[in-house]
């Protein structure tokens, strides 16, 4: 089993920055890809960014140039640096992990990001 615990969410004004963290524990040998999803009220969960262990990253068009995904393998932690935040970025952000982009069955419980005007 794999456990994922997010942190770093909060309230920020538009134009501000936040860094989300995702601590990973458990059977991490099965993990090749980690990512971040988000779900805004009344909307479906969507992929924000994902990265393989080889460094190949995908980003949603809406966050390209503003968000950066990274990881610290020694700390077993994944990060999502979010800059120039907009009110439409308001959502619960979830950390996810698995063997591939199309197979990430492990999920954290989420952390709330609220961006005010």
PDB file of N, CA and C in Angstrom:
ATOM      1  N   UNK A   1       0.832  -1.193   0.000  1.00  0.00           N
ATOM      2  CA  UNK A   1       0.000   0.000   0.000  1.00  0.00           C
ATOM      3  C   UNK A   1       0.869   1.246   0.000  1.00  0.00           C
ATOM      4  N   UNK A   2       0.297   2.297  -0.527  1.00  0.00           N
ATOM      5  CA  UNK A   2       0.970   3.587  -0.603  1.00  0.00           C
ATOM      6  C   UNK A   2       0.114   4.626   0.106  1.00  0.00           C
ATOM      7  N   UNK A   3       0.744   5.435   0.925  1.00  0.00           N
ATOM      8  CA  UNK A   3       0.024   6.507   1.611  1.00  0.00           C
ATOM      9  C   UNK A   3       0.539   7.857   1.109  1.00  0.00           C
ATOM     10  N   UNK A   4      -0.393   8.748   0.858  1.00  0.00           N
ATOM     11  CA  UNK A   4      -0.072  10.090   0.378  1.00  0.00           C
ATOM     12  C   UNK A   4      -0.732  11.107   1.304  1.00  0.00           C
ATOM     13  N   UNK A   5       0.038  12.086   1.758  1.00  0.00           N
ATOM     14  CA  UNK A   5      -0.499  13.106   2.649  1.00  0.00           C
ATOM     15  C   UNK A   5      -0.122  14.478   2.108  1.00  0.00           C
ATOM     16  N   UNK A   6      -1.145  15.257   1.746  1.00  0.00           N
ATOM     17  CA  UNK A   6      -0.913  16.601   1.204  1.00  0.00           C
ATOM     18  C   UNK A   6      -0.848  17.634   2.331  1.00  0.00           C
ATOM     19  N   UNK A   7      -0.160  18.722   2.039  1.00  0.00           N
ATOM     20  CA  UNK A   7      -0.139  19.875   2.938  1.00  0.00           C
ATOM     21  C   UNK A   7       0.191  21.114   2.114  1.00  0.00           C
ATOM     22  N   UNK A   8      -0.021  22.270   2.718  1.00  0.00           N
ATOM     23  CA  UNK A   8       0.358  23.514   2.070  1.00  0.00           C
ATOM     24  C   UNK A   8      -0.769  24.338   1.499  1.00  0.00           C
ATOM     25  N   UNK A   9      -1.981  23.824   1.565  1.00  0.00           N
ATOM     26  CA  UNK A   9      -3.106  24.603   1.061  1.00  0.00           C
ATOM     27  C   UNK A   9      -3.415  25.779   1.978  1.00  0.00           C
ATOM     28  N   UNK A  10      -4.299  26.646   1.514  1.00  0.00           N
ATOM     29  CA  UNK A  10      -4.679  27.792   2.323  1.00  0.00           C
ATOM     30  C   UNK A  10      -5.361  28.855   1.501  1.00  0.00           C
ATOM     31  N   UNK A  11      -5.474  30.018   2.097  1.00  0.00           N
ATOM     32  CA  UNK A  11      -6.113  31.168   1.461  1.00  0.00           C
ATOM     33  C   UNK A  11      -5.030  32.132   0.982  1.00  0.00           C
ATOM     34  N   UNK A  12      -5.146  32.539  -0.268  1.00  0.00           N
ATOM     35  CA  UNK A  12      -4.160  33.460  -0.833  1.00  0.00           C
ATOM     36  C   UNK A  12      -4.874  34.425  -1.765  1.00  0.00           C
ATOM     37  N   UNK A  13      -4.344  35.616  -1.891  1.00  0.00           N
ATOM     38  CA  UNK A  13      -4.927  36.591  -2.810  1.00  0.00           C
ATOM     39  C   UNK A  13      -4.496  36.288  -4.242  1.00  0.00           C
ATOM     40  N   UNK A  14      -5.305  36.722  -5.169  1.00  0.00           N
ATOM     41  CA  UNK A  14      -4.970  36.557  -6.572  1.00  0.00           C
ATOM     42  C   UNK A  14      -3.601  37.171  -6.855  1.00  0.00           C
ATOM     43  N   UNK A  15      -2.804  36.451  -7.638  1.00  0.00           N
ATOM     44  CA  UNK A  15      -1.447  36.890  -7.934  1.00  0.00           C
ATOM     45  C   UNK A  15      -0.414  36.329  -6.984  1.00  0.00           C
ATOM     46  N   UNK A  16      -0.868  35.732  -5.905  1.00  0.00           N
ATOM     47  CA  UNK A  16       0.035  35.174  -4.912  1.00  0.00           C
ATOM     48  C   UNK A  16       0.514  33.776  -5.270  1.00  0.00           C
ATOM     49  N   UNK A  17       1.264  33.186  -4.357  1.00  0.00           N
ATOM     50  CA  UNK A  17       1.857  31.863  -4.582  1.00  0.00           C
ATOM     51  C   UNK A  17       1.615  30.946  -3.395  1.00  0.00           C
ATOM     52  N   UNK A  18       1.596  29.672  -3.681  1.00  0.00           N
ATOM     53  CA  UNK A  18       1.549  28.627  -2.665  1.00  0.00           C
ATOM     54  C   UNK A  18       2.379  27.457  -3.155  1.00  0.00           C
ATOM     55  N   UNK A  19       2.910  26.686  -2.211  1.00  0.00           N
ATOM     56  CA  UNK A  19       3.572  25.443  -2.566  1.00  0.00           C
ATOM     57  C   UNK A  19       2.910  24.302  -1.816  1.00  0.00           C
ATOM     58  N   UNK A  20       2.375  23.368  -2.585  1.00  0.00           N
ATOM     59  CA  UNK A  20       1.783  22.179  -2.005  1.00  0.00           C
ATOM     60  C   UNK A  20       2.838  21.088  -1.894  1.00  0.00           C
ATOM     61  N   UNK A  21       2.715  20.288  -0.846  1.00  0.00           N
ATOM     62  CA  UNK A  21       3.609  19.154  -0.648  1.00  0.00           C
ATOM     63  C   UNK A  21       2.800  17.876  -0.522  1.00  0.00           C
ATOM     64  N   UNK A  22       3.402  16.784  -0.950  1.00  0.00           N
ATOM     65  CA  UNK A  22       2.768  15.476  -0.840  1.00  0.00           C
ATOM     66  C   UNK A  22       3.817  14.493  -0.325  1.00  0.00           C
ATOM     67  N   UNK A  23       3.653  14.057   0.906  1.00  0.00           N
ATOM     68  CA  UNK A  23       4.576  13.098   1.503  1.00  0.00           C
ATOM     69  C   UNK A  23       4.128  11.683   1.160  1.00  0.00           C
ATOM     70  N   UNK A  24       5.064  10.879   0.691  1.00  0.00           N
ATOM     71  CA  UNK A  24       4.772   9.530   0.229  1.00  0.00           C
ATOM     72  C   UNK A  24       5.377   8.515   1.186  1.00  0.00           C
ATOM     73  N   UNK A  25       4.628   7.471   1.497  1.00  0.00           N
ATOM     74  CA  UNK A  25       5.159   6.388   2.321  1.00  0.00           C
ATOM     75  C   UNK A  25       4.539   5.077   1.865  1.00  0.00           C
ATOM     76  N   UNK A  26       5.115   3.982   2.339  1.00  0.00           N
ATOM     77  CA  UNK A  26       4.589   2.678   1.986  1.00  0.00           C
ATOM     78  C   UNK A  26       5.380   2.032   0.867  1.00  0.00           C
ATOM     79  N   UNK A  27       4.688   1.271   0.032  1.00  0.00           N
ATOM     80  CA  UNK A  27       5.318   0.492  -1.044  1.00  0.00           C
ATOM     81  C   UNK A  27       5.591   1.376  -2.265  1.00  0.00           C
ATOM     82  N   UNK A  28       6.588   2.227  -2.140  1.00  0.00           N
ATOM     83  CA  UNK A  28       6.820   3.234  -3.174  1.00  0.00           C
ATOM     84  C   UNK A  28       7.509   2.664  -4.409  1.00  0.00           C
ATOM     85  N   UNK A  29       7.971   1.408  -4.347  1.00  0.00           N
ATOM     86  CA  UNK A  29       8.645   0.832  -5.513  1.00  0.00           C
ATOM     87  C   UNK A  29       7.713   0.713  -6.696  1.00  0.00           C
ATOM     88  N   UNK A  30       6.394   0.649  -6.427  1.00  0.00           N
ATOM     89  CA  UNK A  30       5.426   0.526  -7.519  1.00  0.00           C
ATOM     90  C   UNK A  30       5.123   1.857  -8.192  1.00  0.00           C
ATOM     91  N   UNK A  31       5.685   2.929  -7.662  1.00  0.00           N
ATOM     92  CA  UNK A  31       5.341   4.263  -8.161  1.00  0.00           C
ATOM     93  C   UNK A  31       6.348   4.734  -9.194  1.00  0.00           C
ATOM     94  N   UNK A  32       5.854   5.054 -10.389  1.00  0.00           N
ATOM     95  CA  UNK A  32       6.688   5.687 -11.400  1.00  0.00           C
ATOM     96  C   UNK A  32       6.204   7.094 -11.708  1.00  0.00           C
ATOM     97  N   UNK A  33       4.926   7.322 -11.500  1.00  0.00           N
ATOM     98  CA  UNK A  33       4.329   8.614 -11.846  1.00  0.00           C
ATOM     99  C   UNK A  33       3.599   9.190 -10.649  1.00  0.00           C
ATOM    100  N   UNK A  34       3.776  10.473 -10.449  1.00  0.00           N
ATOM    101  CA  UNK A  34       3.041  11.177  -9.411  1.00  0.00           C
ATOM    102  C   UNK A  34       2.449  12.434 -10.007  1.00  0.00           C
ATOM    103  N   UNK A  35       1.327  12.830  -9.444  1.00  0.00           N
ATOM    104  CA  UNK A  35       0.678  14.000 -10.010  1.00  0.00           C
ATOM    105  C   UNK A  35      -0.223  14.703  -9.035  1.00  0.00           C
ATOM    106  N   UNK A  36      -0.793  15.794  -9.529  1.00  0.00           N
ATOM    107  CA  UNK A  36      -1.760  16.582  -8.771  1.00  0.00           C
ATOM    108  C   UNK A  36      -3.019  16.743  -9.589  1.00  0.00           C
ATOM    109  N   UNK A  37      -4.130  16.515  -8.941  1.00  0.00           N
ATOM    110  CA  UNK A  37      -5.440  16.765  -9.513  1.00  0.00           C
ATOM    111  C   UNK A  37      -6.124  17.813  -8.653  1.00  0.00           C
ATOM    112  N   UNK A  38      -7.170  18.403  -9.203  1.00  0.00           N
ATOM    113  CA  UNK A  38      -7.968  19.325  -8.409  1.00  0.00           C
ATOM    114  C   UNK A  38      -9.441  19.181  -8.752  1.00  0.00           C
ATOM    115  N   UNK A  39     -10.267  19.541  -7.775  1.00  0.00           N
ATOM    116  CA  UNK A  39     -11.704  19.508  -7.985  1.00  0.00           C
ATOM    117  C   UNK A  39     -12.320  20.752  -7.377  1.00  0.00           C
ATOM    118  N   UNK A  40     -12.892  21.560  -8.232  1.00  0.00           N
ATOM    119  CA  UNK A  40     -13.582  22.763  -7.782  1.00  0.00           C
ATOM    120  C   UNK A  40     -15.045  22.423  -7.497  1.00  0.00           C
ATOM    121  N   UNK A  41     -15.715  23.227  -6.688  1.00  0.00           N
ATOM    122  CA  UNK A  41     -17.128  22.957  -6.368  1.00  0.00           C
ATOM    123  C   UNK A  41     -17.983  22.843  -7.623  1.00  0.00           C
ATOM    124  N   UNK A  42     -18.722  21.759  -7.718  1.00  0.00           N
ATOM    125  CA  UNK A  42     -19.611  21.564  -8.852  1.00  0.00           C
ATOM    126  C   UNK A  42     -18.934  21.133 -10.135  1.00  0.00           C
ATOM    127  N   UNK A  43     -17.644  20.853 -10.066  1.00  0.00           N
ATOM    128  CA  UNK A  43     -16.917  20.464 -11.275  1.00  0.00           C
ATOM    129  C   UNK A  43     -16.267  19.099 -11.097  1.00  0.00           C
ATOM    130  N   UNK A  44     -15.899  18.494 -12.221  1.00  0.00           N
ATOM    131  CA  UNK A  44     -15.223  17.209 -12.168  1.00  0.00           C
ATOM    132  C   UNK A  44     -13.759  17.389 -11.771  1.00  0.00           C
ATOM    133  N   UNK A  45     -13.205  16.313 -11.226  1.00  0.00           N
ATOM    134  CA  UNK A  45     -11.794  16.334 -10.897  1.00  0.00           C
ATOM    135  C   UNK A  45     -10.985  16.392 -12.194  1.00  0.00           C
ATOM    136  N   UNK A  46      -9.938  17.215 -12.191  1.00  0.00           N
ATOM    137  CA  UNK A  46      -9.130  17.361 -13.394  1.00  0.00           C
ATOM    138  C   UNK A  46      -7.644  17.264 -13.067  1.00  0.00           C
ATOM    139  N   UNK A  47      -6.887  16.791 -14.039  1.00  0.00           N
ATOM    140  CA  UNK A  47      -5.441  16.713 -13.873  1.00  0.00           C
ATOM    141  C   UNK A  47      -4.853  18.111 -13.932  1.00  0.00           C
ATOM    142  N   UNK A  48      -3.987  18.408 -12.992  1.00  0.00           N
ATOM    143  CA  UNK A  48      -3.265  19.679 -12.985  1.00  0.00           C
ATOM    144  C   UNK A  48      -1.868  19.477 -13.559  1.00  0.00           C
ATOM    145  N   UNK A  49      -1.160  18.498 -13.017  1.00  0.00           N
ATOM    146  CA  UNK A  49       0.193  18.221 -13.472  1.00  0.00           C
ATOM    147  C   UNK A  49       0.571  16.820 -13.029  1.00  0.00           C
ATOM    148  N   UNK A  50       1.439  16.181 -13.807  1.00  0.00           N
ATOM    149  CA  UNK A  50       1.934  14.861 -13.441  1.00  0.00           C
ATOM    150  C   UNK A  50       3.348  14.717 -13.975  1.00  0.00           C
ATOM    151  N   UNK A  51       4.128  13.903 -13.291  1.00  0.00           N
ATOM    152  CA  UNK A  51       5.532  13.747 -13.662  1.00  0.00           C
ATOM    153  C   UNK A  51       5.956  12.313 -13.429  1.00  0.00           C
ATOM    154  N   UNK A  52       6.707  11.748 -14.391  1.00  0.00           N
ATOM    155  CA  UNK A  52       7.264  10.415 -14.211  1.00  0.00           C
ATOM    156  C   UNK A  52       8.589  10.501 -13.458  1.00  0.00           C
ATOM    157  N   UNK A  53       9.056   9.360 -13.012  1.00  0.00           N
ATOM    158  CA  UNK A  53      10.345   9.325 -12.317  1.00  0.00           C
ATOM    159  C   UNK A  53      11.487   9.728 -13.244  1.00  0.00           C
ATOM    160  N   UNK A  54      11.267   9.612 -14.550  1.00  0.00           N
ATOM    161  CA  UNK A  54      12.278  10.029 -15.514  1.00  0.00           C
ATOM    162  C   UNK A  54      12.278  11.511 -15.809  1.00  0.00           C
ATOM    163  N   UNK A  55      11.315  12.232 -15.223  1.00  0.00           N
ATOM    164  CA  UNK A  55      11.277  13.670 -15.384  1.00  0.00           C
ATOM    165  C   UNK A  55      10.342  14.180 -16.457  1.00  0.00           C
ATOM    166  N   UNK A  56       9.607  13.301 -17.113  1.00  0.00           N
ATOM    167  CA  UNK A  56       8.651  13.739 -18.124  1.00  0.00           C
ATOM    168  C   UNK A  56       7.407  14.269 -17.429  1.00  0.00           C
ATOM    169  N   UNK A  57       7.037  15.510 -17.763  1.00  0.00           N
ATOM    170  CA  UNK A  57       5.931  16.166 -17.064  1.00  0.00           C
ATOM    171  C   UNK A  57       4.846  16.608 -18.032  1.00  0.00           C
ATOM    172  N   UNK A  58       3.615  16.523 -17.564  1.00  0.00           N
ATOM    173  CA  UNK A  58       2.456  17.055 -18.285  1.00  0.00           C
ATOM    174  C   UNK A  58       1.757  18.077 -17.417  1.00  0.00           C
ATOM    175  N   UNK A  59       1.253  19.119 -18.046  1.00  0.00           N
ATOM    176  CA  UNK A  59       0.514  20.162 -17.336  1.00  0.00           C
ATOM    177  C   UNK A  59      -0.801  20.445 -18.046  1.00  0.00           C
ATOM    178  N   UNK A  60      -1.807  20.774 -17.278  1.00  0.00           N
ATOM    179  CA  UNK A  60      -3.044  21.277 -17.863  1.00  0.00           C
ATOM    180  C   UNK A  60      -2.745  22.624 -18.521  1.00  0.00           C
ATOM    181  N   UNK A  61      -3.403  22.893 -19.630  1.00  0.00           N
ATOM    182  CA  UNK A  61      -3.162  24.153 -20.337  1.00  0.00           C
ATOM    183  C   UNK A  61      -3.398  25.359 -19.436  1.00  0.00           C
ATOM    184  N   UNK A  62      -4.356  25.238 -18.550  1.00  0.00           N
ATOM    185  CA  UNK A  62      -4.739  26.361 -17.702  1.00  0.00           C
ATOM    186  C   UNK A  62      -3.673  26.755 -16.687  1.00  0.00           C
ATOM    187  N   UNK A  63      -2.698  25.862 -16.445  1.00  0.00           N
ATOM    188  CA  UNK A  63      -1.685  26.161 -15.427  1.00  0.00           C
ATOM    189  C   UNK A  63      -0.276  26.258 -16.004  1.00  0.00           C
ATOM    190  N   UNK A  64      -0.124  25.982 -17.300  1.00  0.00           N
ATOM    191  CA  UNK A  64       1.205  26.051 -17.915  1.00  0.00           C
ATOM    192  C   UNK A  64       1.811  27.437 -17.732  1.00  0.00           C
ATOM    193  N   UNK A  65       3.066  27.457 -17.330  1.00  0.00           N
ATOM    194  CA  UNK A  65       3.746  28.723 -17.118  1.00  0.00           C
ATOM    195  C   UNK A  65       3.551  29.301 -15.731  1.00  0.00           C
ATOM    196  N   UNK A  66       2.608  28.740 -14.984  1.00  0.00           N
ATOM    197  CA  UNK A  66       2.339  29.244 -13.628  1.00  0.00           C
ATOM    198  C   UNK A  66       2.653  28.207 -12.548  1.00  0.00           C
ATOM    199  N   UNK A  67       2.409  26.941 -12.844  1.00  0.00           N
ATOM    200  CA  UNK A  67       2.611  25.870 -11.869  1.00  0.00           C
ATOM    201  C   UNK A  67       3.813  25.024 -12.289  1.00  0.00           C
ATOM    202  N   UNK A  68       4.524  24.512 -11.283  1.00  0.00           N
ATOM    203  CA  UNK A  68       5.656  23.631 -11.541  1.00  0.00           C
ATOM    204  C   UNK A  68       5.593  22.438 -10.603  1.00  0.00           C
ATOM    205  N   UNK A  69       5.682  21.253 -11.180  1.00  0.00           N
ATOM    206  CA  UNK A  69       5.695  20.028 -10.381  1.00  0.00           C
ATOM    207  C   UNK A  69       7.142  19.585 -10.216  1.00  0.00           C
ATOM    208  N   UNK A  70       7.460  19.074  -9.027  1.00  0.00           N
ATOM    209  CA  UNK A  70       8.809  18.599  -8.768  1.00  0.00           C
ATOM    210  C   UNK A  70       8.763  17.571  -7.658  1.00  0.00           C
ATOM    211  N   UNK A  71       9.884  16.917  -7.415  1.00  0.00           N
ATOM    212  CA  UNK A  71       9.942  15.943  -6.334  1.00  0.00           C
ATOM    213  C   UNK A  71      11.327  15.942  -5.717  1.00  0.00           C
ATOM    214  N   UNK A  72      11.354  15.568  -4.449  1.00  0.00           N
ATOM    215  CA  UNK A  72      12.603  15.354  -3.723  1.00  0.00           C
ATOM    216  C   UNK A  72      12.601  13.890  -3.314  1.00  0.00           C
ATOM    217  N   UNK A  73      13.339  13.063  -4.032  1.00  0.00           N
ATOM    218  CA  UNK A  73      13.308  11.623  -3.769  1.00  0.00           C
ATOM    219  C   UNK A  73      13.856  11.285  -2.386  1.00  0.00           C
ATOM    220  N   UNK A  74      14.836  12.027  -1.944  1.00  0.00           N
ATOM    221  CA  UNK A  74      15.412  11.760  -0.623  1.00  0.00           C
ATOM    222  C   UNK A  74      14.378  11.996   0.479  1.00  0.00           C
ATOM    223  N   UNK A  75      13.547  12.999   0.293  1.00  0.00           N
ATOM    224  CA  UNK A  75      12.512  13.309   1.277  1.00  0.00           C
ATOM    225  C   UNK A  75      11.203  12.585   0.977  1.00  0.00           C
ATOM    226  N   UNK A  76      11.169  11.861  -0.150  1.00  0.00           N
ATOM    227  CA  UNK A  76       9.947  11.146  -0.559  1.00  0.00           C
ATOM    228  C   UNK A  76       8.766  12.110  -0.575  1.00  0.00           C
ATOM    229  N   UNK A  77       8.987  13.221  -1.207  1.00  0.00           N
ATOM    230  CA  UNK A  77       7.973  14.271  -1.230  1.00  0.00           C
ATOM    231  C   UNK A  77       7.846  14.851  -2.631  1.00  0.00           C
ATOM    232  N   UNK A  78       6.603  15.086  -3.029  1.00  0.00           N
ATOM    233  CA  UNK A  78       6.310  15.734  -4.296  1.00  0.00           C
ATOM    234  C   UNK A  78       5.788  17.125  -4.005  1.00  0.00           C
ATOM    235  N   UNK A  79       6.097  18.055  -4.892  1.00  0.00           N
ATOM    236  CA  UNK A  79       5.689  19.437  -4.685  1.00  0.00           C
ATOM    237  C   UNK A  79       4.917  19.957  -5.896  1.00  0.00           C
ATOM    238  N   UNK A  80       4.085  20.947  -5.624  1.00  0.00           N
ATOM    239  CA  UNK A  80       3.448  21.700  -6.699  1.00  0.00           C
ATOM    240  C   UNK A  80       3.599  23.176  -6.345  1.00  0.00           C
ATOM    241  N   UNK A  81       4.485  23.848  -7.040  1.00  0.00           N
ATOM    242  CA  UNK A  81       4.669  25.283  -6.849  1.00  0.00           C
ATOM    243  C   UNK A  81       3.660  26.005  -7.716  1.00  0.00           C
ATOM    244  N   UNK A  82       2.849  26.828  -7.097  1.00  0.00           N
ATOM    245  CA  UNK A  82       1.787  27.530  -7.805  1.00  0.00           C
ATOM    246  C   UNK A  82       2.017  29.027  -7.693  1.00  0.00           C
ATOM    247  N   UNK A  83       2.262  29.657  -8.819  1.00  0.00           N
ATOM    248  CA  UNK A  83       2.512  31.102  -8.868  1.00  0.00           C
ATOM    249  C   UNK A  83       1.394  31.797  -9.638  1.00  0.00           C
ATOM    250  N   UNK A  84       1.286  33.098  -9.425  1.00  0.00           N
ATOM    251  CA  UNK A  84       0.280  33.909 -10.119  1.00  0.00           C
ATOM    252  C   UNK A  84      -1.096  33.238 -10.034  1.00  0.00           C
ATOM    253  N   UNK A  85      -1.487  32.907  -8.838  1.00  0.00           N
ATOM    254  CA  UNK A  85      -2.753  32.205  -8.645  1.00  0.00           C
ATOM    255  C   UNK A  85      -3.939  33.074  -9.025  1.00  0.00           C
ATOM    256  N   UNK A  86      -4.959  32.409  -9.540  1.00  0.00           N
ATOM    257  CA  UNK A  86      -6.173  33.079  -9.976  1.00  0.00           C
ATOM    258  C   UNK A  86      -7.365  32.514  -9.206  1.00  0.00           C
ATOM    259  N   UNK A  87      -8.444  33.279  -9.095  1.00  0.00           N
ATOM    260  CA  UNK A  87      -9.623  32.756  -8.386  1.00  0.00           C
ATOM    261  C   UNK A  87     -10.106  31.418  -8.952  1.00  0.00           C
ATOM    262  N   UNK A  88      -9.956  31.213 -10.243  1.00  0.00           N
ATOM    263  CA  UNK A  88     -10.402  29.953 -10.846  1.00  0.00           C
ATOM    264  C   UNK A  88      -9.506  28.777 -10.478  1.00  0.00           C
ATOM    265  N   UNK A  89      -8.407  29.021  -9.777  1.00  0.00           N
ATOM    266  CA  UNK A  89      -7.584  27.933  -9.265  1.00  0.00           C
ATOM    267  C   UNK A  89      -8.122  27.392  -7.940  1.00  0.00           C
ATOM    268  N   UNK A  90      -9.124  28.039  -7.404  1.00  0.00           N
ATOM    269  CA  UNK A  90      -9.723  27.586  -6.145  1.00  0.00           C
ATOM    270  C   UNK A  90     -10.293  26.183  -6.305  1.00  0.00           C
ATOM    271  N   UNK A  91      -9.837  25.270  -5.446  1.00  0.00           N
ATOM    272  CA  UNK A  91     -10.250  23.871  -5.539  1.00  0.00           C
ATOM    273  C   UNK A  91      -9.610  23.084  -4.398  1.00  0.00           C
ATOM    274  N   UNK A  92     -10.062  21.857  -4.246  1.00  0.00           N
ATOM    275  CA  UNK A  92      -9.345  20.896  -3.412  1.00  0.00           C
ATOM    276  C   UNK A  92      -8.314  20.214  -4.307  1.00  0.00           C
ATOM    277  N   UNK A  93      -7.084  20.239  -3.865  1.00  0.00           N
ATOM    278  CA  UNK A  93      -5.988  19.653  -4.645  1.00  0.00           C
ATOM    279  C   UNK A  93      -5.613  18.307  -4.037  1.00  0.00           C
ATOM    280  N   UNK A  94      -5.532  17.306  -4.912  1.00  0.00           N
ATOM    281  CA  UNK A  94      -5.240  15.948  -4.489  1.00  0.00           C
ATOM    282  C   UNK A  94      -3.919  15.483  -5.086  1.00  0.00           C
ATOM    283  N   UNK A  95      -3.151  14.814  -4.262  1.00  0.00           N
ATOM    284  CA  UNK A  95      -1.938  14.154  -4.719  1.00  0.00           C
ATOM    285  C   UNK A  95      -2.306  12.746  -5.185  1.00  0.00           C
ATOM    286  N   UNK A  96      -1.670  12.294  -6.242  1.00  0.00           N
ATOM    287  CA  UNK A  96      -1.958  10.978  -6.779  1.00  0.00           C
ATOM    288  C   UNK A  96      -0.666  10.312  -7.225  1.00  0.00           C
ATOM    289  N   UNK A  97      -0.662   8.982  -7.222  1.00  0.00           N
ATOM    290  CA  UNK A  97       0.552   8.264  -7.598  1.00  0.00           C
ATOM    291  C   UNK A  97       0.206   6.894  -8.158  1.00  0.00           C
ATOM    292  N   UNK A  98       1.113   6.374  -8.987  1.00  0.00           N
ATOM    293  CA  UNK A  98       0.911   5.051  -9.552  1.00  0.00           C
ATOM    294  C   UNK A  98       2.004   4.696 -10.532  1.00  0.00           C
ATOM    295  N   UNK A  99       1.821   3.604 -11.250  1.00  0.00           N
ATOM    296  CA  UNK A  99       2.872   3.140 -12.168  1.00  0.00           C
ATOM    297  C   UNK A  99       2.977   3.917 -13.469  1.00  0.00           C
ATOM    298  N   UNK A 100       1.922   4.643 -13.853  1.00  0.00           N
ATOM    299  CA  UNK A 100       1.956   5.349 -15.134  1.00  0.00           C
ATOM    300  C   UNK A 100       0.953   6.496 -15.127  1.00  0.00           C
ATOM    301  N   UNK A 101       1.061   7.379 -16.152  1.00  0.00           N
ATOM    302  CA  UNK A 101       0.131   8.512 -16.260  1.00  0.00           C
ATOM    303  C   UNK A 101      -1.322   8.027 -16.258  1.00  0.00           C
ATOM    304  N   UNK A 102      -1.563   6.894 -16.941  1.00  0.00           N
ATOM    305  CA  UNK A 102      -2.935   6.415 -17.097  1.00  0.00           C
ATOM    306  C   UNK A 102      -3.357   5.486 -15.967  1.00  0.00           C
ATOM    307  N   UNK A 103      -2.484   5.283 -15.001  1.00  0.00           N
ATOM    308  CA  UNK A 103      -2.800   4.377 -13.895  1.00  0.00           C
ATOM    309  C   UNK A 103      -2.203   4.925 -12.610  1.00  0.00           C
ATOM    310  N   UNK A 104      -2.960   5.774 -11.945  1.00  0.00           N
ATOM    311  CA  UNK A 104      -2.526   6.342 -10.663  1.00  0.00           C
ATOM    312  C   UNK A 104      -3.620   6.056  -9.632  1.00  0.00           C
ATOM    313  N   UNK A 105      -3.574   4.876  -9.042  1.00  0.00           N
ATOM    314  CA  UNK A 105      -4.669   4.466  -8.160  1.00  0.00           C
ATOM    315  C   UNK A 105      -4.570   4.973  -6.721  1.00  0.00           C
ATOM    316  N   UNK A 106      -3.436   5.572  -6.364  1.00  0.00           N
ATOM    317  CA  UNK A 106      -3.271   6.001  -4.987  1.00  0.00           C
ATOM    318  C   UNK A 106      -3.586   7.496  -4.869  1.00  0.00           C
ATOM    319  N   UNK A 107      -4.336   7.830  -3.792  1.00  0.00           N
ATOM    320  CA  UNK A 107      -4.790   9.209  -3.629  1.00  0.00           C
ATOM    321  C   UNK A 107      -4.619   9.680  -2.204  1.00  0.00           C
ATOM    322  N   UNK A 108      -4.314  10.971  -2.051  1.00  0.00           N
ATOM    323  CA  UNK A 108      -4.366  11.604  -0.749  1.00  0.00           C
ATOM    324  C   UNK A 108      -5.772  12.096  -0.476  1.00  0.00           C
ATOM    325  N   UNK A 109      -5.949  12.701   0.698  1.00  0.00           N
ATOM    326  CA  UNK A 109      -7.277  13.179   1.077  1.00  0.00           C
ATOM    327  C   UNK A 109      -7.568  14.592   0.599  1.00  0.00           C
ATOM    328  N   UNK A 110      -6.540  15.262   0.106  1.00  0.00           N
ATOM    329  CA  UNK A 110      -6.745  16.584  -0.470  1.00  0.00           C
ATOM    330  C   UNK A 110      -6.406  17.722   0.467  1.00  0.00           C
ATOM    331  N   UNK A 111      -6.087  18.849  -0.153  1.00  0.00           N
ATOM    332  CA  UNK A 111      -5.842  20.081   0.600  1.00  0.00           C
ATOM    333  C   UNK A 111      -6.518  21.223  -0.148  1.00  0.00           C
ATOM    334  N   UNK A 112      -7.186  22.097   0.595  1.00  0.00           N
ATOM    335  CA  UNK A 112      -7.992  23.146  -0.012  1.00  0.00           C
ATOM    336  C   UNK A 112      -7.147  24.373  -0.326  1.00  0.00           C
ATOM    337  N   UNK A 113      -7.277  24.849  -1.547  1.00  0.00           N
ATOM    338  CA  UNK A 113      -6.652  26.102  -1.969  1.00  0.00           C
ATOM    339  C   UNK A 113      -7.768  27.069  -2.332  1.00  0.00           C
ATOM    340  N   UNK A 114      -7.750  28.222  -1.694  1.00  0.00           N
ATOM    341  CA  UNK A 114      -8.743  29.249  -1.977  1.00  0.00           C
ATOM    342  C   UNK A 114      -8.026  30.520  -2.407  1.00  0.00           C
ATOM    343  N   UNK A 115      -8.384  31.017  -3.585  1.00  0.00           N
ATOM    344  CA  UNK A 115      -7.764  32.229  -4.122  1.00  0.00           C
ATOM    345  C   UNK A 115      -8.814  33.329  -4.161  1.00  0.00           C
ATOM    346  N   UNK A 116      -8.560  34.396  -3.430  1.00  0.00           N
ATOM    347  CA  UNK A 116      -9.516  35.504  -3.358  1.00  0.00           C
ATOM    348  C   UNK A 116      -9.097  36.637  -4.288  1.00  0.00           C
ATOM    349  N   UNK A 117     -10.081  37.472  -4.614  1.00  0.00           N
ATOM    350  CA  UNK A 117      -9.789  38.610  -5.485  1.00  0.00           C
ATOM    351  C   UNK A 117      -9.010  39.685  -4.733  1.00  0.00           C
TER     352      UNK A 117
END
